Structure formats: C-alpha cells, structure tokens
Amino acid sequence: MQRDVEKQRKLEKMGENIDLQDEGAFVNSIIGEGTKLKGEFELNGLLRIDGNFQGRVKTKGKVLVGKNGTAECEIIAGTIVIGGKVKGDIIATEKVTLLSTGQLEGSIKTPRLVIEEGVIFNGTCEIINDKNKLEKIKEEILNKEKDKKDKIEINSRKHDEYLNNKLYEKVPSKIANKS
C-alpha cells in the first residue's frame, strides 16, 4: 500500500495525476524511454508508453502516454491518458484525459473528456454517451482494419502467383518440365 502511494506521488510530480488503483488496473506493459516499437498490442491492464510506438493498441484497461512518449497509432481502450505526443484516432469507452503536456493530432470518441490547460489538440472530438453506439463504432474500426489485412494477404498471394508464373515463362520448357 505504501509503495502504491509513493507511485501516485511520483506520477503527480510528473504532472500525470492518474489513479492506478481504480478498477484493479495494473501496469503489465511498458514501452520504456528510448525504446522504439512497431506493431499491435492487445492486452488487459495498463499500457504505459514512455518511448516511441507505432501501430495499434486495444485494451479494456488503460493506456497512458507519458510526457516523453510518442505514439503514432490508433488506440482503443477503456481509459486513455495523454501526457506526450499522439498522432492517430482514439476511442475510449470510459474517459480520455489530455494532460497539460499532451499533444494530440487525431479524433477522439469517448463519453467523458478532461482537458488540462496547455494541451495542444488538433482534430475532432465526439462525446458519445450511448455505450451501444460507441461499441458499434469500435467494432466498425476493428472490422475495417481486418478487411484491410485480408486484402493485403490476398494481394500478396496474387503477387506470389504472378512471380511464379513469370519465373516459369523465362525458364526453357525442357527444364521447367523436369521438376
């Protein structure tokens, strides 16, 4: 308990007033300062980004972008706290908090929004109180990304077939028939 209080004080000193104890959230993933990472995160609990991340994050828990963190990604989470730089669209089913050191370029969809003085925000914001509508938007985004991946995979297979056909066109027929 004492360590949790000390962590909270440390975060408050950094200008990141975040309650890590509500809803049983725990930090189970950290992208540390100086770290660069590309990809997709799907997790339970809290993700803290203090380094550089590109990709997509999906969690029912919290995503925290620390004041030295940068993220070029789509974030879908329960709660999102931005103290660093984020470029991309974010959807929070509970709340979005933009801290005074935060910068966001993208769209926000959430039922609750807290913006501290000093934030740089360039984008759109939609406050959605209807949880069903928010869930539908979230699913549409996830399905759109899945469709895009399926198209890439299909195009990749077509490309492989094309290359194989071109390869056999250049090989003399006597050699190609031997295999």
Foldseek 3Di string as FASTA:
>chain_A
DVVQVVVQVVCVVQQRNDDCPPPNADEPEEQADPHEEEDEAEDEHEYEFQYEYEEEYAYQYEYEDGQNGEYEYEYEYQEYEFQHEYEEEYEHAHEYEYTLSGEYEEEYEYQYYHYDPNYHYHYYYDHDPPSVVSVVVVVVVVVVVVVVVVVVVVVVVVVVVVVVVVVVVPDPPVVVVVD
